[in-house]
Amino acid sequence: MAIIKKKIWPELFNLIASGKKKFELRLNDFDIKEGDTLILEEWDPNTKQYTGRTIERTIDYVLKFKLNDFGQKKEIQEKGLLVIQFKN
């Protein structure tokens, strides 16, 4: 199992820390899979420094897709995407 570290801005860090946000949407520019550990390091874009706060989460599920996997590249580029979180 791998350990992956990524920057996260304070607003999103706080949502994850509070338990409200239980997902992460990222550019697919690194390898991550179920069982890996993601360490999110809070990054302050104003000071351009890490704050020292971190959150560690074990990955339960990874969905990878390309913009045209569902034949909707044009619509996605025009309207964007939604990420919807369900309550358990």
C-alpha atoms as a PDB file:
ATOM      1  CA  MET A   1       0.000   0.000   0.000  1.00  0.00           C
ATOM      2  CA  ALA A   2       1.317   3.416  -0.998  1.00  0.00           C
ATOM      3  CA  ILE A   3       1.346   6.682   0.930  1.00  0.00           C
ATOM      4  CA  ILE A   4       0.558   9.707  -1.234  1.00  0.00           C
ATOM      5  CA  LYS A   5       0.895  13.339  -0.083  1.00  0.00           C
ATOM      6  CA  LYS A   6      -1.050  16.151  -1.752  1.00  0.00           C
ATOM      7  CA  LYS A   7      -1.642  19.855  -1.104  1.00  0.00           C
ATOM      8  CA  ILE A   8      -5.119  21.032  -0.139  1.00  0.00           C
ATOM      9  CA  TRP A   9      -6.418  24.577   0.340  1.00  0.00           C
ATOM     10  CA  PRO A  10      -7.771  25.606   3.770  1.00  0.00           C
ATOM     11  CA  GLU A  11     -11.471  25.753   2.795  1.00  0.00           C
ATOM     12  CA  LEU A  12     -11.437  22.166   1.538  1.00  0.00           C
ATOM     13  CA  PHE A  13      -9.187  21.005   4.385  1.00  0.00           C
ATOM     14  CA  ASN A  14     -11.707  22.330   6.915  1.00  0.00           C
ATOM     15  CA  LEU A  15     -14.623  20.578   5.188  1.00  0.00           C
ATOM     16  CA  ILE A  16     -12.798  17.244   5.327  1.00  0.00           C
ATOM     17  CA  ALA A  17     -11.645  17.815   8.915  1.00  0.00           C
ATOM     18  CA  SER A  18     -15.240  18.536   9.981  1.00  0.00           C
ATOM     19  CA  GLY A  19     -16.466  15.319   8.332  1.00  0.00           C
ATOM     20  CA  LYS A  20     -18.771  17.113   5.877  1.00  0.00           C
ATOM     21  CA  LYS A  21     -16.655  16.376   2.770  1.00  0.00           C
ATOM     22  CA  LYS A  22     -15.913  12.676   2.296  1.00  0.00           C
ATOM     23  CA  PHE A  23     -14.464  12.709  -1.207  1.00  0.00           C
ATOM     24  CA  GLU A  24     -11.607  14.261  -3.136  1.00  0.00           C
ATOM     25  CA  LEU A  25     -11.637  15.260  -6.810  1.00  0.00           C
ATOM     26  CA  ARG A  26      -8.148  15.367  -8.314  1.00  0.00           C
ATOM     27  CA  LEU A  27      -6.406  15.548 -11.638  1.00  0.00           C
ATOM     28  CA  ASN A  28      -5.399  12.005 -12.602  1.00  0.00           C
ATOM     29  CA  ASP A  29      -1.674  12.781 -12.599  1.00  0.00           C
ATOM     30  CA  PHE A  30      -0.608  10.253  -9.958  1.00  0.00           C
ATOM     31  CA  ASP A  31      -1.226   6.594  -9.158  1.00  0.00           C
ATOM     32  CA  ILE A  32      -3.602   5.803  -6.298  1.00  0.00           C
ATOM     33  CA  LYS A  33      -5.661   2.727  -5.540  1.00  0.00           C
ATOM     34  CA  GLU A  34      -7.922   1.207  -2.905  1.00  0.00           C
ATOM     35  CA  GLY A  35      -6.075   0.623   0.353  1.00  0.00           C
ATOM     36  CA  ASP A  36      -3.528   3.405  -0.228  1.00  0.00           C
ATOM     37  CA  THR A  37      -3.169   6.236   2.283  1.00  0.00           C
ATOM     38  CA  LEU A  38      -3.745   9.820   1.161  1.00  0.00           C
ATOM     39  CA  ILE A  39      -2.180  12.507   3.328  1.00  0.00           C
ATOM     40  CA  LEU A  40      -3.644  15.932   2.637  1.00  0.00           C
ATOM     41  CA  GLU A  41      -1.334  18.759   3.690  1.00  0.00           C
ATOM     42  CA  GLU A  42      -2.996  22.128   4.180  1.00  0.00           C
ATOM     43  CA  TRP A  43      -1.479  24.750   1.884  1.00  0.00           C
ATOM     44  CA  ASP A  44      -2.108  28.462   2.295  1.00  0.00           C
ATOM     45  CA  PRO A  45      -2.247  30.017  -1.188  1.00  0.00           C
ATOM     46  CA  ASN A  46      -1.761  33.521   0.260  1.00  0.00           C
ATOM     47  CA  THR A  47       1.515  32.774   2.051  1.00  0.00           C
ATOM     48  CA  LYS A  48       2.462  29.974  -0.378  1.00  0.00           C
ATOM     49  CA  GLN A  49       3.409  27.787   2.587  1.00  0.00           C
ATOM     50  CA  TYR A  50       2.170  24.656   4.304  1.00  0.00           C
ATOM     51  CA  THR A  51       0.321  25.359   7.556  1.00  0.00           C
ATOM     52  CA  GLY A  52       1.507  22.177   9.270  1.00  0.00           C
ATOM     53  CA  ARG A  53      -1.992  20.665   9.479  1.00  0.00           C
ATOM     54  CA  THR A  54      -2.544  17.290   7.818  1.00  0.00           C
ATOM     55  CA  ILE A  55      -5.373  14.818   7.357  1.00  0.00           C
ATOM     56  CA  GLU A  56      -4.730  11.144   6.666  1.00  0.00           C
ATOM     57  CA  ARG A  57      -7.350   8.961   4.969  1.00  0.00           C
ATOM     58  CA  THR A  58      -7.339   5.376   3.702  1.00  0.00           C
ATOM     59  CA  ILE A  59      -8.684   5.115   0.161  1.00  0.00           C
ATOM     60  CA  ASP A  60     -11.872   3.057  -0.136  1.00  0.00           C
ATOM     61  CA  TYR A  61     -12.744   3.562  -3.819  1.00  0.00           C
ATOM     62  CA  VAL A  62     -11.221   5.274  -6.871  1.00  0.00           C
ATOM     63  CA  LEU A  63     -13.219   6.203  -9.973  1.00  0.00           C
ATOM     64  CA  LYS A  64     -11.061   7.133 -12.956  1.00  0.00           C
ATOM     65  CA  PHE A  65     -12.542   8.488 -16.163  1.00  0.00           C
ATOM     66  CA  LYS A  66     -11.729  10.630 -19.175  1.00  0.00           C
ATOM     67  CA  LEU A  67     -13.930  13.485 -20.385  1.00  0.00           C
ATOM     68  CA  ASN A  68     -15.279  11.531 -23.348  1.00  0.00           C
ATOM     69  CA  ASP A  69     -15.776   8.121 -21.677  1.00  0.00           C
ATOM     70  CA  PHE A  70     -19.538   8.716 -21.832  1.00  0.00           C
ATOM     71  CA  GLY A  71     -19.542  10.603 -25.156  1.00  0.00           C
ATOM     72  CA  GLN A  72     -20.136  13.945 -23.425  1.00  0.00           C
ATOM     73  CA  LYS A  73     -16.836  15.802 -23.755  1.00  0.00           C
ATOM     74  CA  LYS A  74     -18.418  18.894 -25.327  1.00  0.00           C
ATOM     75  CA  GLU A  75     -21.146  19.115 -22.671  1.00  0.00           C
ATOM     76  CA  ILE A  76     -18.653  18.605 -19.845  1.00  0.00           C
ATOM     77  CA  GLN A  77     -16.373  21.328 -21.220  1.00  0.00           C
ATOM     78  CA  GLU A  78     -19.342  23.705 -21.454  1.00  0.00           C
ATOM     79  CA  LYS A  79     -21.110  22.891 -18.172  1.00  0.00           C
ATOM     80  CA  GLY A  80     -18.482  21.268 -15.954  1.00  0.00           C
ATOM     81  CA  LEU A  81     -19.024  18.314 -13.650  1.00  0.00           C
ATOM     82  CA  LEU A  82     -20.749  17.709 -10.325  1.00  0.00           C
ATOM     83  CA  VAL A  83     -19.484  15.418  -7.605  1.00  0.00           C
ATOM     84  CA  ILE A  84     -22.384  14.176  -5.485  1.00  0.00           C
ATOM     85  CA  GLN A  85     -21.837  12.642  -2.070  1.00  0.00           C
ATOM     86  CA  PHE A  86     -24.373  10.227  -0.573  1.00  0.00           C
ATOM     87  CA  LYS A  87     -25.165   9.791   3.105  1.00  0.00           C
ATOM     88  CA  ASN A  88     -24.582   6.237   4.322  1.00  0.00           C
END
